[in-house]
Amino acid sequence: MAKGSAGLETKSLLNPGHKSKLRRFFTQIDIQLMVLPALVFIFIFSYIPMYGVLIAFQDYKLGSNLLNNNWVGLKHFIQFFNAPEFNTVMRNTIVISFLKFFFGFPAPIILALMLNEVRKMLFKRVVQTVTYLPHFLSWVVIGSMVTSILSVDNGSINMLLQKLRLIDDPINFLSMTEYFWTILVATNVWKEIGFNSIVFLAAIAGIDPHLYETASIDGASRFKQIRLITLPCIMPVVIIFMILAIGNLLNAGFEDILILASNPALREVSDSLDVYVVRVGIDNYRYSYATAIGLFKAVISVTLLTMANFLARRTGNSLW
C-alpha cells in the first residue's frame, strides 16, 4: 500500500497542473455547461462539413457521391494560380483587407477612448446609439443609402460639391475605379465602428479608477492618463483582437463588395477572393475550383493566425 501511495504522489508531483485544472473544471461546471451549446454548434456547422474539402481534389459533379468522383490532385489549385485573373484578385484582396485593417481596427479603439472621456451621460448615450445603429442594418440597406448619397442625380455629395463650387459637373463615384476602395473602406468603418467599440469600452470600464485618481493628483493630464493608464490596461484585449483581425486578413469582404460594386466597370478593383469564388466558381458550376480557392484562402488565414499568435505570445498575450 505504501508503495502504491508513493507512486500516486510521484505522479501528482510530476504533473501538478493536471489535478488543479481538473478541479477548476468541476468548480466551474455551471460555466462549462453554458459554453457547451456553442461548442456543439461549432462542431456541427464548422467541423462536420470539413470533409467537403475533398471536393478541391476531385472533378466533383453536383449530386454525385463524394467518394465516387475522379481524383485530380492539385489540378484546380494550378488552374487558379495560372488564371489570368489571379494577380488582380490577390491584389484586390490584399489591398482591401489591409485598408480595412489599417483604418477599421484602430477606429473603434479611438471611439471608445473618446466616449470614455465624455462626462455628459445623455450625450454619451446618444452618440453610442447613433454609432451602434448602422451595425444592425443589412448591407442591402447600407448599399442603398450609399448609392443614394453618391448618386449623380440629386446625390447629396455631388450637390454639396457643386454648391461649394468644387466641381462643375456631377461625379459618378460608383463607376470610377479610383474612388471604389475609399468608398468601400469608409462605409465599412462607419457601419462597424460603434458596435466594435463595445468590447473596448467594457475593457476601459474594468480599469481601477484609483489609478486615474493617483495620476491626477500627480498632475497627469487626460492625454497622459490615456497614454500611461488606459492604453496599457486594455492592451491585452487589443492584442487578442489584433490576432483575430490578422487571421482574417484575406476576408476582404463579400456582401459589401457585391452590393457596392454592382457596376461591371469596377471589377478590376473589386474582385476579391470571395467575390471571385461566387462569380467564377459557383455561378459557372465549377464547385471543385471554388473549393480549391476556399481551401487555399483557409490555409493562408490559419498560417497568418498562427504567426500573429506566436509573435503576441512574446508580449504575454495570446489565444493559445
C-alpha atoms as a PDB file:
ATOM      1  CA  MET A   1       0.000   0.000   0.000  1.00  0.00           C
ATOM      2  CA  ALA A   2       2.831   2.348   0.903  1.00  0.00           C
ATOM      3  CA  LYS A   3       4.450   1.630  -2.431  1.00  0.00           C
ATOM      4  CA  GLY A   4       1.208   2.382  -4.306  1.00  0.00           C
ATOM      5  CA  SER A   5       0.630   5.642  -2.478  1.00  0.00           C
ATOM      6  CA  ALA A   6       4.209   6.647  -3.166  1.00  0.00           C
ATOM      7  CA  GLY A   7       3.593   6.047  -6.873  1.00  0.00           C
ATOM      8  CA  LEU A   8       0.496   8.273  -6.811  1.00  0.00           C
ATOM      9  CA  GLU A   9       2.427  11.017  -5.039  1.00  0.00           C
ATOM     10  CA  THR A  10       5.171  10.771  -7.641  1.00  0.00           C
ATOM     11  CA  LYS A  11       2.589  11.094 -10.445  1.00  0.00           C
ATOM     12  CA  SER A  12       0.987  14.146  -8.851  1.00  0.00           C
ATOM     13  CA  LEU A  13       4.393  15.720  -8.349  1.00  0.00           C
ATOM     14  CA  LEU A  14       5.349  15.078 -11.973  1.00  0.00           C
ATOM     15  CA  ASN A  15       2.093  16.570 -13.262  1.00  0.00           C
ATOM     16  CA  PRO A  16       0.873  19.026 -10.625  1.00  0.00           C
ATOM     17  CA  GLY A  17      -1.151  21.122 -13.060  1.00  0.00           C
ATOM     18  CA  HIS A  18      -3.374  18.248 -14.215  1.00  0.00           C
ATOM     19  CA  LYS A  19      -5.167  17.854 -10.896  1.00  0.00           C
ATOM     20  CA  SER A  20      -5.654  21.597 -10.410  1.00  0.00           C
ATOM     21  CA  LYS A  21      -7.055  22.014 -13.953  1.00  0.00           C
ATOM     22  CA  LEU A  22      -9.491  19.143 -13.407  1.00  0.00           C
ATOM     23  CA  ARG A  23     -10.588  20.567 -10.065  1.00  0.00           C
ATOM     24  CA  ARG A  24     -11.064  24.008 -11.612  1.00  0.00           C
ATOM     25  CA  PHE A  25     -13.153  22.466 -14.409  1.00  0.00           C
ATOM     26  CA  PHE A  26     -15.587  20.894 -11.924  1.00  0.00           C
ATOM     27  CA  THR A  27     -15.753  24.001  -9.744  1.00  0.00           C
ATOM     28  CA  GLN A  28     -16.788  25.936 -12.881  1.00  0.00           C
ATOM     29  CA  ILE A  29     -19.167  23.255 -14.152  1.00  0.00           C
ATOM     30  CA  ASP A  30     -22.057  25.740 -14.484  1.00  0.00           C
ATOM     31  CA  ILE A  31     -19.938  27.989 -16.737  1.00  0.00           C
ATOM     32  CA  GLN A  32     -18.679  24.984 -18.723  1.00  0.00           C
ATOM     33  CA  LEU A  33     -22.281  23.889 -19.364  1.00  0.00           C
ATOM     34  CA  MET A  34     -23.076  27.387 -20.667  1.00  0.00           C
ATOM     35  CA  VAL A  35     -20.270  27.026 -23.218  1.00  0.00           C
ATOM     36  CA  LEU A  36     -21.434  23.545 -24.287  1.00  0.00           C
ATOM     37  CA  PRO A  37     -24.184  24.691 -26.749  1.00  0.00           C
ATOM     38  CA  ALA A  38     -21.678  26.929 -28.545  1.00  0.00           C
ATOM     39  CA  LEU A  39     -19.212  24.034 -28.813  1.00  0.00           C
ATOM     40  CA  VAL A  40     -21.915  21.743 -30.191  1.00  0.00           C
ATOM     41  CA  PHE A  41     -22.932  24.435 -32.698  1.00  0.00           C
ATOM     42  CA  ILE A  42     -19.331  24.884 -33.883  1.00  0.00           C
ATOM     43  CA  PHE A  43     -18.815  21.116 -34.124  1.00  0.00           C
ATOM     44  CA  ILE A  44     -21.957  20.582 -36.211  1.00  0.00           C
ATOM     45  CA  PHE A  45     -21.639  23.549 -38.565  1.00  0.00           C
ATOM     46  CA  SER A  46     -17.848  24.027 -38.729  1.00  0.00           C
ATOM     47  CA  TYR A  47     -16.136  20.687 -38.150  1.00  0.00           C
ATOM     48  CA  ILE A  48     -18.516  18.106 -39.628  1.00  0.00           C
ATOM     49  CA  PRO A  49     -18.696  19.857 -43.049  1.00  0.00           C
ATOM     50  CA  MET A  50     -14.883  19.895 -43.262  1.00  0.00           C
ATOM     51  CA  TYR A  51     -14.943  16.608 -45.197  1.00  0.00           C
ATOM     52  CA  GLY A  52     -16.128  18.762 -48.105  1.00  0.00           C
ATOM     53  CA  VAL A  53     -12.553  19.937 -48.724  1.00  0.00           C
ATOM     54  CA  LEU A  54     -12.087  16.660 -50.598  1.00  0.00           C
ATOM     55  CA  ILE A  55     -14.010  18.294 -53.466  1.00  0.00           C
ATOM     56  CA  ALA A  56     -10.965  20.508 -54.094  1.00  0.00           C
ATOM     57  CA  PHE A  57      -9.006  17.431 -55.197  1.00  0.00           C
ATOM     58  CA  GLN A  58     -11.750  15.970 -57.399  1.00  0.00           C
ATOM     59  CA  ASP A  59     -13.738  16.733 -60.530  1.00  0.00           C
ATOM     60  CA  TYR A  60     -16.917  16.986 -58.476  1.00  0.00           C
ATOM     61  CA  LYS A  61     -20.347  16.814 -60.095  1.00  0.00           C
ATOM     62  CA  LEU A  62     -23.362  18.100 -58.196  1.00  0.00           C
ATOM     63  CA  GLY A  63     -25.451  15.275 -56.735  1.00  0.00           C
ATOM     64  CA  SER A  64     -22.773  12.603 -57.114  1.00  0.00           C
ATOM     65  CA  ASN A  65     -21.307  10.567 -54.274  1.00  0.00           C
ATOM     66  CA  LEU A  66     -18.350  12.412 -52.784  1.00  0.00           C
ATOM     67  CA  LEU A  67     -16.090   9.347 -52.926  1.00  0.00           C
ATOM     68  CA  ASN A  68     -17.049   8.278 -56.471  1.00  0.00           C
ATOM     69  CA  ASN A  69     -15.626  11.292 -58.344  1.00  0.00           C
ATOM     70  CA  ASN A  70     -12.384  11.387 -60.303  1.00  0.00           C
ATOM     71  CA  TRP A  71      -9.400  12.424 -58.176  1.00  0.00           C
ATOM     72  CA  VAL A  72      -7.313  15.081 -59.930  1.00  0.00           C
ATOM     73  CA  GLY A  73      -4.861  16.097 -57.208  1.00  0.00           C
ATOM     74  CA  LEU A  74      -3.770  19.741 -57.378  1.00  0.00           C
ATOM     75  CA  LYS A  75      -5.321  20.402 -60.787  1.00  0.00           C
ATOM     76  CA  HIS A  76      -7.745  23.103 -59.597  1.00  0.00           C
ATOM     77  CA  PHE A  77      -5.116  24.855 -57.483  1.00  0.00           C
ATOM     78  CA  ILE A  78      -2.790  25.024 -60.501  1.00  0.00           C
ATOM     79  CA  GLN A  79      -5.641  26.352 -62.646  1.00  0.00           C
ATOM     80  CA  PHE A  80      -6.275  29.113 -60.127  1.00  0.00           C
ATOM     81  CA  PHE A  81      -2.589  30.079 -59.860  1.00  0.00           C
ATOM     82  CA  ASN A  82      -2.339  30.200 -63.673  1.00  0.00           C
ATOM     83  CA  ALA A  83      -5.648  32.024 -64.187  1.00  0.00           C
ATOM     84  CA  PRO A  84      -5.322  35.429 -65.879  1.00  0.00           C
ATOM     85  CA  GLU A  85      -7.340  36.985 -63.017  1.00  0.00           C
ATOM     86  CA  PHE A  86      -5.083  35.580 -60.264  1.00  0.00           C
ATOM     87  CA  ASN A  87      -2.856  38.647 -59.846  1.00  0.00           C
ATOM     88  CA  THR A  88      -5.802  41.054 -59.930  1.00  0.00           C
ATOM     89  CA  VAL A  89      -7.854  39.024 -57.441  1.00  0.00           C
ATOM     90  CA  MET A  90      -4.957  38.641 -54.999  1.00  0.00           C
ATOM     91  CA  ARG A  91      -4.022  42.322 -55.301  1.00  0.00           C
ATOM     92  CA  ASN A  92      -7.583  43.453 -54.620  1.00  0.00           C
ATOM     93  CA  THR A  93      -7.969  41.045 -51.706  1.00  0.00           C
ATOM     94  CA  ILE A  94      -4.714  42.103 -50.050  1.00  0.00           C
ATOM     95  CA  VAL A  95      -5.180  45.849 -50.627  1.00  0.00           C
ATOM     96  CA  ILE A  96      -8.814  45.921 -49.447  1.00  0.00           C
ATOM     97  CA  SER A  97      -8.002  43.749 -46.422  1.00  0.00           C
ATOM     98  CA  PHE A  98      -5.054  45.896 -45.359  1.00  0.00           C
ATOM     99  CA  LEU A  99      -7.023  49.121 -45.840  1.00  0.00           C
ATOM    100  CA  LYS A 100      -9.871  47.747 -43.717  1.00  0.00           C
ATOM    101  CA  PHE A 101      -7.373  46.605 -41.076  1.00  0.00           C
ATOM    102  CA  PHE A 102      -5.358  49.842 -41.105  1.00  0.00           C
ATOM    103  CA  PHE A 103      -8.399  52.125 -40.777  1.00  0.00           C
ATOM    104  CA  GLY A 104     -11.041  49.799 -39.343  1.00  0.00           C
ATOM    105  CA  PHE A 105      -9.072  48.245 -36.473  1.00  0.00           C
ATOM    106  CA  PRO A 106      -7.949  51.408 -34.600  1.00  0.00           C
ATOM    107  CA  ALA A 107     -11.205  53.308 -35.279  1.00  0.00           C
ATOM    108  CA  PRO A 108     -13.328  51.597 -32.536  1.00  0.00           C
ATOM    109  CA  ILE A 109     -10.441  51.907 -30.057  1.00  0.00           C
ATOM    110  CA  ILE A 110     -10.231  55.656 -30.696  1.00  0.00           C
ATOM    111  CA  LEU A 111     -14.028  55.965 -30.419  1.00  0.00           C
ATOM    112  CA  ALA A 112     -14.024  54.050 -27.118  1.00  0.00           C
ATOM    113  CA  LEU A 113     -11.277  56.303 -25.724  1.00  0.00           C
ATOM    114  CA  MET A 114     -13.199  59.404 -26.780  1.00  0.00           C
ATOM    115  CA  LEU A 115     -16.513  58.163 -25.351  1.00  0.00           C
ATOM    116  CA  ASN A 116     -14.782  57.312 -22.082  1.00  0.00           C
ATOM    117  CA  GLU A 117     -13.816  60.959 -21.710  1.00  0.00           C
ATOM    118  CA  VAL A 118     -17.384  62.241 -22.192  1.00  0.00           C
ATOM    119  CA  ARG A 119     -18.912  63.319 -18.879  1.00  0.00           C
ATOM    120  CA  LYS A 120     -22.414  64.224 -20.156  1.00  0.00           C
ATOM    121  CA  MET A 121     -24.187  60.855 -19.942  1.00  0.00           C
ATOM    122  CA  LEU A 122     -27.091  61.894 -22.182  1.00  0.00           C
ATOM    123  CA  PHE A 123     -24.746  62.997 -24.952  1.00  0.00           C
ATOM    124  CA  LYS A 124     -22.666  59.837 -24.497  1.00  0.00           C
ATOM    125  CA  ARG A 125     -25.716  57.579 -24.845  1.00  0.00           C
ATOM    126  CA  VAL A 126     -26.931  59.438 -27.927  1.00  0.00           C
ATOM    127  CA  VAL A 127     -23.524  59.073 -29.606  1.00  0.00           C
ATOM    128  CA  GLN A 128     -23.374  55.377 -28.696  1.00  0.00           C
ATOM    129  CA  THR A 129     -26.847  54.744 -30.117  1.00  0.00           C
ATOM    130  CA  VAL A 130     -26.105  56.621 -33.330  1.00  0.00           C
ATOM    131  CA  THR A 131     -22.804  54.792 -33.871  1.00  0.00           C
ATOM    132  CA  TYR A 132     -24.206  51.348 -32.955  1.00  0.00           C
ATOM    133  CA  LEU A 133     -27.253  51.579 -35.221  1.00  0.00           C
ATOM    134  CA  PRO A 134     -25.564  51.003 -38.650  1.00  0.00           C
ATOM    135  CA  HIS A 135     -24.265  47.598 -37.492  1.00  0.00           C
ATOM    136  CA  PHE A 136     -27.832  46.288 -37.255  1.00  0.00           C
ATOM    137  CA  LEU A 137     -28.733  47.403 -40.783  1.00  0.00           C
ATOM    138  CA  SER A 138     -28.233  44.922 -43.609  1.00  0.00           C
ATOM    139  CA  TRP A 139     -25.744  45.629 -46.362  1.00  0.00           C
ATOM    140  CA  VAL A 140     -28.672  45.967 -48.770  1.00  0.00           C
ATOM    141  CA  VAL A 141     -29.942  48.962 -46.779  1.00  0.00           C
ATOM    142  CA  ILE A 142     -26.435  50.394 -46.315  1.00  0.00           C
ATOM    143  CA  GLY A 143     -25.690  49.941 -50.018  1.00  0.00           C
ATOM    144  CA  SER A 144     -28.916  51.720 -50.973  1.00  0.00           C
ATOM    145  CA  MET A 145     -28.052  54.631 -48.670  1.00  0.00           C
ATOM    146  CA  VAL A 146     -24.518  54.957 -50.048  1.00  0.00           C
ATOM    147  CA  THR A 147     -25.773  54.721 -53.636  1.00  0.00           C
ATOM    148  CA  SER A 148     -28.335  57.443 -52.954  1.00  0.00           C
ATOM    149  CA  ILE A 149     -25.784  59.720 -51.257  1.00  0.00           C
ATOM    150  CA  LEU A 150     -23.284  59.326 -54.108  1.00  0.00           C
ATOM    151  CA  SER A 151     -25.851  59.416 -56.900  1.00  0.00           C
ATOM    152  CA  VAL A 152     -25.250  61.627 -59.920  1.00  0.00           C
ATOM    153  CA  ASP A 153     -28.887  62.752 -59.839  1.00  0.00           C
ATOM    154  CA  ASN A 154     -29.644  64.646 -56.624  1.00  0.00           C
ATOM    155  CA  GLY A 155     -26.913  62.850 -54.637  1.00  0.00           C
ATOM    156  CA  SER A 156     -26.099  64.868 -51.516  1.00  0.00           C
ATOM    157  CA  ILE A 157     -22.309  64.641 -52.022  1.00  0.00           C
ATOM    158  CA  ASN A 158     -22.475  65.914 -55.603  1.00  0.00           C
ATOM    159  CA  MET A 159     -24.920  68.649 -54.610  1.00  0.00           C
ATOM    160  CA  LEU A 160     -22.630  69.774 -51.774  1.00  0.00           C
ATOM    161  CA  LEU A 161     -19.548  69.826 -54.011  1.00  0.00           C
ATOM    162  CA  GLN A 162     -21.415  71.835 -56.628  1.00  0.00           C
ATOM    163  CA  LYS A 163     -22.730  74.312 -54.047  1.00  0.00           C
ATOM    164  CA  LEU A 164     -19.148  74.804 -52.824  1.00  0.00           C
ATOM    165  CA  ARG A 165     -18.102  75.267 -56.482  1.00  0.00           C
ATOM    166  CA  LEU A 166     -15.527  72.489 -56.174  1.00  0.00           C
ATOM    167  CA  ILE A 167     -16.889  70.718 -59.269  1.00  0.00           C
ATOM    168  CA  ASP A 168     -18.884  71.825 -62.288  1.00  0.00           C
ATOM    169  CA  ASP A 169     -20.487  68.524 -63.295  1.00  0.00           C
ATOM    170  CA  PRO A 170     -21.635  65.661 -61.005  1.00  0.00           C
ATOM    171  CA  ILE A 171     -19.178  62.794 -60.496  1.00  0.00           C
ATOM    172  CA  ASN A 172     -20.338  59.211 -60.919  1.00  0.00           C
ATOM    173  CA  PHE A 173     -18.409  57.915 -57.897  1.00  0.00           C
ATOM    174  CA  LEU A 174     -19.728  54.339 -58.077  1.00  0.00           C
ATOM    175  CA  SER A 175     -18.482  53.762 -61.614  1.00  0.00           C
ATOM    176  CA  MET A 176     -14.946  55.131 -61.219  1.00  0.00           C
ATOM    177  CA  THR A 177     -12.257  52.722 -60.059  1.00  0.00           C
ATOM    178  CA  GLU A 178     -10.156  55.377 -58.295  1.00  0.00           C
ATOM    179  CA  TYR A 179     -12.902  56.026 -55.724  1.00  0.00           C
ATOM    180  CA  PHE A 180     -14.071  52.481 -55.015  1.00  0.00           C
ATOM    181  CA  TRP A 181     -11.588  51.433 -52.296  1.00  0.00           C
ATOM    182  CA  THR A 182     -12.126  54.700 -50.407  1.00  0.00           C
ATOM    183  CA  ILE A 183     -15.928  54.321 -50.545  1.00  0.00           C
ATOM    184  CA  LEU A 184     -15.774  50.656 -49.511  1.00  0.00           C
ATOM    185  CA  VAL A 185     -13.428  51.162 -46.547  1.00  0.00           C
ATOM    186  CA  ALA A 186     -15.175  54.327 -45.326  1.00  0.00           C
ATOM    187  CA  THR A 187     -18.568  52.576 -45.445  1.00  0.00           C
ATOM    188  CA  ASN A 188     -17.219  49.575 -43.516  1.00  0.00           C
ATOM    189  CA  VAL A 189     -15.686  51.788 -40.827  1.00  0.00           C
ATOM    190  CA  TRP A 190     -18.924  53.781 -40.476  1.00  0.00           C
ATOM    191  CA  LYS A 191     -21.034  50.623 -40.244  1.00  0.00           C
ATOM    192  CA  GLU A 192     -18.954  48.739 -37.656  1.00  0.00           C
ATOM    193  CA  ILE A 193     -17.123  51.364 -35.594  1.00  0.00           C
ATOM    194  CA  GLY A 194     -19.810  51.703 -32.920  1.00  0.00           C
ATOM    195  CA  PHE A 195     -20.507  48.023 -32.374  1.00  0.00           C
ATOM    196  CA  ASN A 196     -16.812  47.077 -32.315  1.00  0.00           C
ATOM    197  CA  SER A 197     -16.137  49.735 -29.686  1.00  0.00           C
ATOM    198  CA  ILE A 198     -18.344  47.920 -27.128  1.00  0.00           C
ATOM    199  CA  VAL A 199     -15.597  45.467 -26.151  1.00  0.00           C
ATOM    200  CA  PHE A 200     -13.027  48.214 -25.687  1.00  0.00           C
ATOM    201  CA  LEU A 201     -15.473  50.312 -23.652  1.00  0.00           C
ATOM    202  CA  ALA A 202     -16.055  47.283 -21.415  1.00  0.00           C
ATOM    203  CA  ALA A 203     -12.292  46.826 -21.012  1.00  0.00           C
ATOM    204  CA  ILE A 204     -11.880  50.505 -20.094  1.00  0.00           C
ATOM    205  CA  ALA A 205     -14.734  50.248 -17.577  1.00  0.00           C
ATOM    206  CA  GLY A 206     -12.814  47.487 -15.795  1.00  0.00           C
ATOM    207  CA  ILE A 207      -9.796  49.688 -15.061  1.00  0.00           C
ATOM    208  CA  ASP A 208      -9.320  50.578 -11.399  1.00  0.00           C
ATOM    209  CA  PRO A 209     -10.464  54.245 -11.000  1.00  0.00           C
ATOM    210  CA  HIS A 210      -7.882  54.745  -8.248  1.00  0.00           C
ATOM    211  CA  LEU A 211      -5.192  54.697 -10.939  1.00  0.00           C
ATOM    212  CA  TYR A 212      -6.727  57.787 -12.540  1.00  0.00           C
ATOM    213  CA  GLU A 213      -7.132  59.490  -9.175  1.00  0.00           C
ATOM    214  CA  THR A 214      -3.483  58.897  -8.332  1.00  0.00           C
ATOM    215  CA  ALA A 215      -2.384  60.121 -11.754  1.00  0.00           C
ATOM    216  CA  SER A 216      -4.482  63.297 -11.492  1.00  0.00           C
ATOM    217  CA  ILE A 217      -3.014  64.018  -8.038  1.00  0.00           C
ATOM    218  CA  ASP A 218       0.441  63.702  -9.597  1.00  0.00           C
ATOM    219  CA  GLY A 219      -0.573  66.283 -12.189  1.00  0.00           C
ATOM    220  CA  ALA A 220      -1.025  63.999 -15.200  1.00  0.00           C
ATOM    221  CA  SER A 221      -3.200  65.457 -17.945  1.00  0.00           C
ATOM    222  CA  ARG A 222      -6.064  63.486 -19.528  1.00  0.00           C
ATOM    223  CA  PHE A 223      -3.937  62.673 -22.562  1.00  0.00           C
ATOM    224  CA  LYS A 224      -1.124  61.421 -20.356  1.00  0.00           C
ATOM    225  CA  GLN A 225      -3.582  59.295 -18.359  1.00  0.00           C
ATOM    226  CA  ILE A 226      -4.832  57.724 -21.586  1.00  0.00           C
ATOM    227  CA  ARG A 227      -1.266  57.012 -22.703  1.00  0.00           C
ATOM    228  CA  LEU A 228       0.067  55.723 -19.390  1.00  0.00           C
ATOM    229  CA  ILE A 229      -3.012  54.040 -17.861  1.00  0.00           C
ATOM    230  CA  THR A 230      -5.867  53.384 -20.290  1.00  0.00           C
ATOM    231  CA  LEU A 231      -3.907  52.046 -23.263  1.00  0.00           C
ATOM    232  CA  PRO A 232      -1.599  49.740 -21.252  1.00  0.00           C
ATOM    233  CA  CYS A 233      -4.569  48.351 -19.288  1.00  0.00           C
ATOM    234  CA  ILE A 234      -6.625  47.494 -22.375  1.00  0.00           C
ATOM    235  CA  MET A 235      -3.616  46.293 -24.387  1.00  0.00           C
ATOM    236  CA  PRO A 236      -4.294  42.552 -23.725  1.00  0.00           C
ATOM    237  CA  VAL A 237      -7.767  42.949 -25.269  1.00  0.00           C
ATOM    238  CA  VAL A 238      -6.333  44.956 -28.175  1.00  0.00           C
ATOM    239  CA  ILE A 239      -3.722  42.274 -28.880  1.00  0.00           C
ATOM    240  CA  ILE A 240      -6.279  39.446 -28.826  1.00  0.00           C
ATOM    241  CA  PHE A 241      -8.500  41.281 -31.305  1.00  0.00           C
ATOM    242  CA  MET A 242      -5.474  42.154 -33.419  1.00  0.00           C
ATOM    243  CA  ILE A 243      -4.548  38.455 -33.649  1.00  0.00           C
ATOM    244  CA  LEU A 244      -8.070  37.628 -34.829  1.00  0.00           C
ATOM    245  CA  ALA A 245      -8.013  40.529 -37.305  1.00  0.00           C
ATOM    246  CA  ILE A 246      -4.702  39.363 -38.779  1.00  0.00           C
ATOM    247  CA  GLY A 247      -6.124  35.853 -39.138  1.00  0.00           C
ATOM    248  CA  ASN A 248      -8.982  37.354 -41.175  1.00  0.00           C
ATOM    249  CA  LEU A 249      -6.797  39.489 -43.431  1.00  0.00           C
ATOM    250  CA  LEU A 250      -7.832  37.556 -46.548  1.00  0.00           C
ATOM    251  CA  ASN A 251     -11.509  38.134 -45.751  1.00  0.00           C
ATOM    252  CA  ALA A 252     -11.706  41.290 -47.821  1.00  0.00           C
ATOM    253  CA  GLY A 253     -15.491  41.137 -47.767  1.00  0.00           C
ATOM    254  CA  PHE A 254     -18.311  39.741 -49.839  1.00  0.00           C
ATOM    255  CA  GLU A 255     -21.704  41.382 -49.247  1.00  0.00           C
ATOM    256  CA  ASP A 256     -20.330  44.914 -49.171  1.00  0.00           C
ATOM    257  CA  ILE A 257     -18.287  44.451 -52.346  1.00  0.00           C
ATOM    258  CA  LEU A 258     -21.096  42.629 -54.142  1.00  0.00           C
ATOM    259  CA  ILE A 259     -23.562  45.435 -53.420  1.00  0.00           C
ATOM    260  CA  LEU A 260     -21.311  48.477 -53.846  1.00  0.00           C
ATOM    261  CA  ALA A 261     -19.549  47.084 -56.932  1.00  0.00           C
ATOM    262  CA  SER A 262     -22.622  46.136 -58.942  1.00  0.00           C
ATOM    263  CA  ASN A 263     -21.167  48.036 -61.901  1.00  0.00           C
ATOM    264  CA  PRO A 264     -19.019  45.660 -64.061  1.00  0.00           C
ATOM    265  CA  ALA A 265     -16.651  48.579 -64.702  1.00  0.00           C
ATOM    266  CA  LEU A 266     -15.418  48.197 -61.100  1.00  0.00           C
ATOM    267  CA  ARG A 267     -14.483  44.526 -61.457  1.00  0.00           C
ATOM    268  CA  GLU A 268     -10.812  45.421 -61.907  1.00  0.00           C
ATOM    269  CA  VAL A 269     -10.647  46.808 -58.345  1.00  0.00           C
ATOM    270  CA  SER A 270     -13.479  44.889 -56.649  1.00  0.00           C
ATOM    271  CA  ASP A 271     -12.868  41.236 -57.462  1.00  0.00           C
ATOM    272  CA  SER A 272     -11.761  39.772 -54.125  1.00  0.00           C
ATOM    273  CA  LEU A 273     -11.319  36.057 -53.436  1.00  0.00           C
ATOM    274  CA  ASP A 274     -14.848  35.634 -52.076  1.00  0.00           C
ATOM    275  CA  VAL A 275     -16.499  37.518 -54.936  1.00  0.00           C
ATOM    276  CA  TYR A 276     -14.356  35.667 -57.490  1.00  0.00           C
ATOM    277  CA  VAL A 277     -15.329  32.304 -55.980  1.00  0.00           C
ATOM    278  CA  VAL A 278     -19.027  33.101 -56.390  1.00  0.00           C
ATOM    279  CA  ARG A 279     -18.726  34.692 -59.826  1.00  0.00           C
ATOM    280  CA  VAL A 280     -16.418  32.113 -61.444  1.00  0.00           C
ATOM    281  CA  GLY A 281     -16.774  29.057 -59.235  1.00  0.00           C
ATOM    282  CA  ILE A 282     -20.385  28.853 -58.064  1.00  0.00           C
ATOM    283  CA  ASP A 283     -22.155  30.682 -60.918  1.00  0.00           C
ATOM    284  CA  ASN A 284     -20.328  28.563 -63.512  1.00  0.00           C
ATOM    285  CA  TYR A 285     -20.889  25.313 -61.561  1.00  0.00           C
ATOM    286  CA  ARG A 286     -17.145  24.854 -61.010  1.00  0.00           C
ATOM    287  CA  TYR A 287     -17.556  23.585 -57.467  1.00  0.00           C
ATOM    288  CA  SER A 288     -14.158  21.889 -57.227  1.00  0.00           C
ATOM    289  CA  TYR A 289     -12.441  25.046 -58.462  1.00  0.00           C
ATOM    290  CA  ALA A 290     -14.326  27.178 -55.917  1.00  0.00           C
ATOM    291  CA  THR A 291     -13.494  24.743 -53.093  1.00  0.00           C
ATOM    292  CA  ALA A 292      -9.808  24.787 -54.034  1.00  0.00           C
ATOM    293  CA  ILE A 293      -9.729  28.590 -53.790  1.00  0.00           C
ATOM    294  CA  GLY A 294     -11.533  28.453 -50.444  1.00  0.00           C
ATOM    295  CA  LEU A 295      -9.051  25.885 -49.105  1.00  0.00           C
ATOM    296  CA  PHE A 296      -6.120  27.998 -50.318  1.00  0.00           C
ATOM    297  CA  LYS A 297      -7.556  31.002 -48.509  1.00  0.00           C
ATOM    298  CA  ALA A 298      -8.159  28.978 -45.318  1.00  0.00           C
ATOM    299  CA  VAL A 299      -4.576  27.682 -45.232  1.00  0.00           C
ATOM    300  CA  ILE A 300      -3.159  31.200 -45.613  1.00  0.00           C
ATOM    301  CA  SER A 301      -5.519  32.516 -42.903  1.00  0.00           C
ATOM    302  CA  VAL A 302      -4.532  29.788 -40.417  1.00  0.00           C
ATOM    303  CA  THR A 303      -0.851  30.459 -41.158  1.00  0.00           C
ATOM    304  CA  LEU A 304      -1.285  34.204 -40.522  1.00  0.00           C
ATOM    305  CA  LEU A 305      -3.242  33.495 -37.325  1.00  0.00           C
ATOM    306  CA  THR A 306      -0.526  31.150 -36.035  1.00  0.00           C
ATOM    307  CA  MET A 307       2.255  33.619 -36.816  1.00  0.00           C
ATOM    308  CA  ALA A 308       0.364  36.501 -35.168  1.00  0.00           C
ATOM    309  CA  ASN A 309      -0.295  34.390 -32.083  1.00  0.00           C
ATOM    310  CA  PHE A 310       3.387  33.357 -31.894  1.00  0.00           C
ATOM    311  CA  LEU A 311       4.514  36.993 -32.013  1.00  0.00           C
ATOM    312  CA  ALA A 312       1.855  38.069 -29.500  1.00  0.00           C
ATOM    313  CA  ARG A 313       2.940  35.352 -27.073  1.00  0.00           C
ATOM    314  CA  ARG A 314       6.190  37.244 -26.565  1.00  0.00           C
ATOM    315  CA  THR A 315       4.171  40.097 -25.071  1.00  0.00           C
ATOM    316  CA  GLY A 316       2.459  37.692 -22.681  1.00  0.00           C
ATOM    317  CA  ASN A 317      -0.888  37.716 -24.528  1.00  0.00           C
ATOM    318  CA  SER A 318      -2.029  35.006 -26.917  1.00  0.00           C
ATOM    319  CA  LEU A 319      -5.028  32.905 -27.912  1.00  0.00           C
ATOM    320  CA  TRP A 320      -3.286  29.656 -27.040  1.00  0.00           C
END
